[in-house]
Amino acid sequence: MRLGLRLVPIALFGLYLLFYYVSNRQSVPVTGRKQLVDISREQEVELGLASYHDILSRSDLVLDGPELDSVRAIGLRLVEAARAQGIDPGYEWEFNLIRSAQANAFALPGGKVAVYTGLLPVAANVDGLSAVMGHEIAHAIARHGAERMAYQKLTRIGALVASFALGDLGYQGQRMVQGALGVGTQYGILLPFSRKHESEADQIGLMLLAQACFDPNEAPRLWQRMGANSEGRAPAEFSSTHPSPETRIEQFEAWMPEARSVYRQHCG
């Protein structure tokens, strides 16, 4: 009897998961992958804007100069390419440059993008920088932030259900099982899910930069430089939120025929 009662929340969670999946599906532009998003675009934009303002208020912004002009010009060309493809959600795009040694960039929901000056030497040229910025713009277009929040919500609910179902095991037994579930969720679901987002943003970004008449062949070269820049410091791929540079280069080469076709079609 007690076992049956313990199984009830598991069954209810399974039904909720099925309903949640069916009622919150949408398609990612370009790739067509089905994703789960359970907040409105307006809510997502509001969250992104608040985080963006907070980050900028604590950052050393580059306020003028040719590097900032280049970042903004590249961003606008990529956004125009997204509009030409019909995949720009109508965000109020914003591009900023932050003075920092980090070789990185980020985008937040709502089209708020920032590049760190430490990335510029690794990007090396406008085509390399377009690969990074196209990737970040793609994250915003594909609503990866909202999708990540949806999966985190499901993970928390699943943990609560598991805790209730394991109530008869005792404290030590619960800790062992929950620890195993936590590790399994992290390495079997969340990290691979994050790497899938990164690969999808690479693919969408590559098509954007090709249509914007940046050289798509520079994308794998960029990741050769990124790999050399992070050599000895990057974690193993299975424990990372990002694919390894080697994996990214292989994926770019697989997508390259389509990207070259887009480039020839739009850029002569």
Protein backbone atom coordinates (compact mmCIF):
# COMPACT_ATOMS: atom_id res chain seq x y z
CA MET A 1 0.00 0.00 0.00
CA ARG A 2 2.75 2.45 0.97
CA LEU A 3 4.68 1.64 -2.20
CA GLY A 4 1.56 2.36 -4.25
CA LEU A 5 1.14 5.70 -2.52
CA ARG A 6 4.79 6.52 -3.22
CA LEU A 7 4.31 5.78 -6.90
CA VAL A 8 1.41 8.22 -7.23
CA PRO A 9 3.57 11.38 -7.41
CA ILE A 10 5.83 9.70 -9.97
CA ALA A 11 2.83 8.89 -12.17
CA LEU A 12 1.46 12.42 -11.73
CA PHE A 13 4.84 13.89 -12.63
CA GLY A 14 4.93 11.75 -15.77
CA LEU A 15 1.48 13.03 -16.79
CA TYR A 16 2.50 16.62 -16.03
CA LEU A 17 5.68 16.18 -18.08
CA LEU A 18 3.69 14.92 -21.06
CA PHE A 19 1.19 17.80 -20.83
CA TYR A 20 3.97 20.34 -20.32
CA TYR A 21 5.90 19.06 -23.34
CA VAL A 22 2.88 19.07 -25.66
CA SER A 23 1.56 22.48 -24.61
CA ASN A 24 4.88 24.38 -24.62
CA ARG A 25 6.56 23.21 -27.82
CA GLN A 26 7.83 25.52 -30.51
CA SER A 27 10.35 25.29 -33.35
CA VAL A 28 13.82 26.81 -33.38
CA PRO A 29 14.43 28.94 -36.50
CA VAL A 30 16.78 27.49 -39.15
CA THR A 31 17.31 24.10 -37.46
CA GLY A 32 13.60 23.30 -36.91
CA ARG A 33 14.35 21.55 -33.61
CA LYS A 34 11.40 21.31 -31.21
CA GLN A 35 12.05 23.09 -27.93
CA LEU A 36 10.26 23.75 -24.64
CA VAL A 37 9.59 27.37 -23.67
CA ASP A 38 7.01 28.20 -21.01
CA ILE A 39 7.37 31.98 -20.62
CA SER A 40 6.28 34.70 -23.01
CA ARG A 41 8.77 36.56 -25.16
CA GLU A 42 7.92 39.74 -23.21
CA GLN A 43 8.82 38.10 -19.89
CA GLU A 44 12.05 36.79 -21.37
CA VAL A 45 13.00 40.22 -22.74
CA GLU A 46 12.32 41.84 -19.36
CA LEU A 47 14.57 39.35 -17.56
CA GLY A 48 17.33 39.82 -20.12
CA LEU A 49 17.21 43.60 -19.98
CA ALA A 50 17.47 43.66 -16.17
CA SER A 51 20.49 41.31 -16.23
CA TYR A 52 22.14 43.28 -19.04
CA HIS A 53 21.86 46.61 -17.24
CA ASP A 54 23.23 45.02 -14.07
CA ILE A 55 26.27 43.62 -15.92
CA LEU A 56 26.97 46.87 -17.76
CA SER A 57 26.72 48.90 -14.54
CA ARG A 58 29.57 46.81 -13.09
CA SER A 59 31.70 46.78 -16.26
CA ASP A 60 34.33 49.03 -17.82
CA LEU A 61 32.57 49.98 -21.05
CA VAL A 62 34.39 51.14 -24.16
CA LEU A 63 32.42 54.26 -25.04
CA ASP A 64 33.89 55.13 -28.43
CA GLY A 65 36.60 54.24 -30.93
CA PRO A 66 37.08 52.03 -33.99
CA GLU A 67 36.79 48.73 -32.08
CA LEU A 68 33.35 49.66 -30.72
CA ASP A 69 32.32 50.92 -34.15
CA SER A 70 33.38 47.60 -35.68
CA VAL A 71 31.45 45.53 -33.11
CA ARG A 72 28.29 47.53 -33.73
CA ALA A 73 28.65 47.47 -37.52
CA ILE A 74 29.11 43.69 -37.52
CA GLY A 75 26.14 43.26 -35.20
CA LEU A 76 23.86 45.35 -37.40
CA ARG A 77 24.88 43.43 -40.54
CA LEU A 78 24.08 40.14 -38.82
CA VAL A 79 20.72 41.43 -37.59
CA GLU A 80 19.88 42.59 -41.13
CA ALA A 81 20.68 39.06 -42.32
CA ALA A 82 18.33 37.64 -39.66
CA ARG A 83 15.60 40.01 -40.83
CA ALA A 84 16.18 38.97 -44.44
CA GLN A 85 15.71 35.34 -43.36
CA GLY A 86 12.58 36.25 -41.41
CA ILE A 87 13.99 35.02 -38.09
CA ASP A 88 14.56 38.32 -36.24
CA PRO A 89 12.00 38.33 -33.38
CA GLY A 90 11.87 42.15 -33.52
CA TYR A 91 14.22 42.73 -30.59
CA GLU A 92 15.72 46.14 -29.84
CA TRP A 93 19.25 44.95 -30.53
CA GLU A 94 22.11 46.52 -28.62
CA PHE A 95 25.85 45.88 -28.97
CA ASN A 96 28.48 46.95 -26.46
CA LEU A 97 32.19 46.43 -25.92
CA ILE A 98 33.53 45.72 -22.42
CA ARG A 99 37.17 46.30 -21.52
CA SER A 100 38.34 42.97 -20.07
CA ALA A 101 41.02 40.34 -20.66
CA GLN A 102 38.35 37.67 -21.17
CA ALA A 103 38.28 36.18 -24.67
CA ASN A 104 34.51 35.97 -24.59
CA ALA A 105 31.17 37.47 -25.56
CA PHE A 106 27.57 36.96 -24.46
CA ALA A 107 23.98 37.64 -25.47
CA LEU A 108 20.98 37.95 -23.19
CA PRO A 109 17.31 37.52 -24.09
CA GLY A 110 15.93 40.48 -25.97
CA GLY A 111 18.96 41.00 -28.19
CA LYS A 112 21.43 42.49 -25.72
CA VAL A 113 24.96 41.54 -26.82
CA ALA A 114 28.37 42.38 -25.36
CA VAL A 115 31.88 41.55 -26.52
CA TYR A 116 34.97 41.59 -24.27
CA THR A 117 38.09 43.30 -25.65
CA GLY A 118 40.14 40.21 -24.82
CA LEU A 119 38.31 38.42 -27.62
CA LEU A 120 39.43 40.81 -30.36
CA PRO A 121 43.01 39.50 -30.79
CA VAL A 122 41.71 35.91 -30.97
CA ALA A 123 38.96 36.84 -33.44
CA ALA A 124 41.78 38.46 -35.46
CA ASN A 125 39.54 40.02 -38.14
CA VAL A 126 35.95 41.04 -38.88
CA ASP A 127 35.08 37.60 -40.25
CA GLY A 128 36.31 35.89 -37.09
CA LEU A 129 34.44 38.36 -34.92
CA SER A 130 31.29 37.83 -36.99
CA ALA A 131 31.48 34.10 -36.16
CA VAL A 132 31.41 34.86 -32.44
CA MET A 133 28.74 37.55 -32.68
CA GLY A 134 26.61 35.47 -35.04
CA HIS A 135 26.75 32.69 -32.45
CA GLU A 136 25.62 35.03 -29.65
CA ILE A 137 22.85 36.57 -31.76
CA ALA A 138 21.68 33.03 -32.58
CA HIS A 139 21.35 32.22 -28.85
CA ALA A 140 18.94 35.14 -28.48
CA ILE A 141 16.97 34.30 -31.64
CA ALA A 142 16.66 30.63 -30.64
CA ARG A 143 15.46 31.58 -27.12
CA HIS A 144 18.01 29.27 -25.52
CA GLY A 145 17.84 31.16 -22.22
CA ALA A 146 14.11 30.58 -21.85
CA GLU A 147 14.47 26.93 -22.84
CA ARG A 148 17.22 26.44 -20.26
CA MET A 149 14.95 27.89 -17.56
CA ALA A 150 12.18 25.47 -18.56
CA TYR A 151 14.48 22.45 -18.20
CA GLN A 152 15.82 23.70 -14.87
CA LYS A 153 12.24 23.97 -13.66
CA LEU A 154 11.55 20.36 -14.66
CA THR A 155 14.76 19.23 -12.97
CA ARG A 156 13.75 20.87 -9.67
CA ILE A 157 10.28 19.32 -9.79
CA GLY A 158 11.78 15.92 -10.60
CA ALA A 159 14.12 16.21 -7.60
CA LEU A 160 11.18 16.96 -5.29
CA VAL A 161 9.22 13.98 -6.64
CA ALA A 162 12.23 11.70 -6.20
CA SER A 163 12.73 12.94 -2.63
CA PHE A 164 9.12 12.11 -1.78
CA ALA A 165 9.19 8.72 -3.47
CA LEU A 166 12.37 7.73 -1.60
CA GLY A 167 11.03 8.69 1.82
CA ASP A 168 11.24 5.12 3.18
CA LEU A 169 14.96 4.71 2.49
CA GLY A 170 16.19 6.70 5.46
CA TYR A 171 18.55 9.66 5.48
CA GLN A 172 21.70 7.91 4.23
CA GLY A 173 19.85 5.96 1.56
CA GLN A 174 18.15 9.11 0.30
CA ARG A 175 21.46 10.96 0.15
CA MET A 176 23.09 8.20 -1.89
CA VAL A 177 20.23 7.90 -4.39
CA GLN A 178 19.77 11.66 -4.73
CA GLY A 179 23.50 12.09 -5.21
CA ALA A 180 23.47 9.51 -7.99
CA LEU A 181 20.43 11.17 -9.57
CA GLY A 182 22.14 14.56 -9.36
CA VAL A 183 25.27 13.30 -11.09
CA GLY A 184 23.19 11.50 -13.72
CA THR A 185 21.11 14.62 -14.37
CA GLN A 186 24.18 16.85 -14.62
CA TYR A 187 26.25 14.67 -16.94
CA GLY A 188 23.45 12.85 -18.74
CA ILE A 189 20.99 15.69 -19.34
CA LEU A 190 22.04 19.25 -18.45
CA LEU A 191 25.59 19.33 -19.84
CA PRO A 192 24.72 17.57 -23.13
CA PHE A 193 21.70 19.87 -23.40
CA SER A 194 23.95 22.92 -23.01
CA ARG A 195 26.39 21.60 -25.61
CA LYS A 196 23.46 21.09 -28.00
CA HIS A 197 22.55 24.77 -27.55
CA GLU A 198 26.11 25.82 -28.33
CA SER A 199 26.22 23.70 -31.48
CA GLU A 200 22.83 24.99 -32.60
CA ALA A 201 23.96 28.60 -32.09
CA ASP A 202 27.09 27.84 -34.12
CA GLN A 203 24.96 26.51 -36.99
CA ILE A 204 22.46 29.39 -37.00
CA GLY A 205 25.25 31.94 -36.59
CA LEU A 206 27.18 30.47 -39.52
CA MET A 207 24.20 30.89 -41.83
CA LEU A 208 23.68 34.45 -40.60
CA LEU A 209 27.27 35.50 -41.22
CA ALA A 210 27.27 33.89 -44.66
CA GLN A 211 24.13 35.81 -45.67
CA ALA A 212 25.67 38.99 -44.20
CA CYS A 213 28.63 38.46 -46.60
CA PHE A 214 31.24 37.60 -44.01
CA ASP A 215 33.56 34.75 -44.96
CA PRO A 216 32.13 31.50 -43.52
CA ASN A 217 35.51 29.76 -43.97
CA GLU A 218 36.84 31.85 -41.10
CA ALA A 219 34.58 30.15 -38.52
CA PRO A 220 36.62 26.92 -38.17
CA ARG A 221 39.84 28.96 -38.25
CA LEU A 222 38.51 31.02 -35.35
CA TRP A 223 38.01 27.84 -33.32
CA GLN A 224 41.52 26.70 -34.12
CA ARG A 225 42.72 29.96 -32.55
CA MET A 226 40.29 29.60 -29.62
CA GLY A 227 41.58 26.08 -28.99
CA ALA A 228 45.17 27.30 -28.99
CA ASN A 229 44.22 30.17 -26.68
CA SER A 230 42.60 27.86 -24.11
CA GLU A 231 45.05 24.96 -24.42
CA GLY A 232 45.61 23.24 -21.09
CA ARG A 233 42.79 25.17 -19.38
CA ALA A 234 39.63 23.84 -21.00
CA PRO A 235 37.79 20.96 -19.24
CA ALA A 236 37.11 17.65 -20.96
CA GLU A 237 34.10 17.91 -23.28
CA PHE A 238 31.88 15.51 -21.27
CA SER A 239 32.18 17.79 -18.22
CA SER A 240 31.83 21.07 -20.11
CA THR A 241 28.88 23.22 -21.09
CA HIS A 242 30.51 23.74 -24.51
CA PRO A 243 31.69 21.37 -27.23
CA SER A 244 35.45 21.14 -27.58
CA PRO A 245 37.11 23.31 -30.26
CA GLU A 246 37.84 20.11 -32.21
CA THR A 247 34.17 19.13 -32.21
CA ARG A 248 33.13 22.62 -33.25
CA ILE A 249 35.59 22.63 -36.16
CA GLU A 250 34.23 19.27 -37.36
CA GLN A 251 30.66 20.57 -37.17
CA PHE A 252 31.52 23.75 -39.05
CA GLU A 253 33.10 21.71 -41.83
CA ALA A 254 29.90 19.63 -42.07
CA TRP A 255 27.75 22.76 -42.37
CA MET A 256 30.19 24.60 -44.64
CA PRO A 257 28.76 23.51 -48.05
CA GLU A 258 25.40 25.05 -47.16
CA ALA A 259 27.07 28.18 -45.76
CA ARG A 260 29.15 28.62 -48.92
CA SER A 261 26.01 28.21 -51.01
CA VAL A 262 24.26 30.94 -48.97
CA TYR A 263 27.32 33.18 -49.37
CA ARG A 264 27.43 32.70 -53.15
CA GLN A 265 23.71 33.30 -53.46
CA HIS A 266 23.72 36.59 -51.55
CA CYS A 267 27.23 37.91 -52.04
CA GLY A 268 28.25 36.92 -55.57
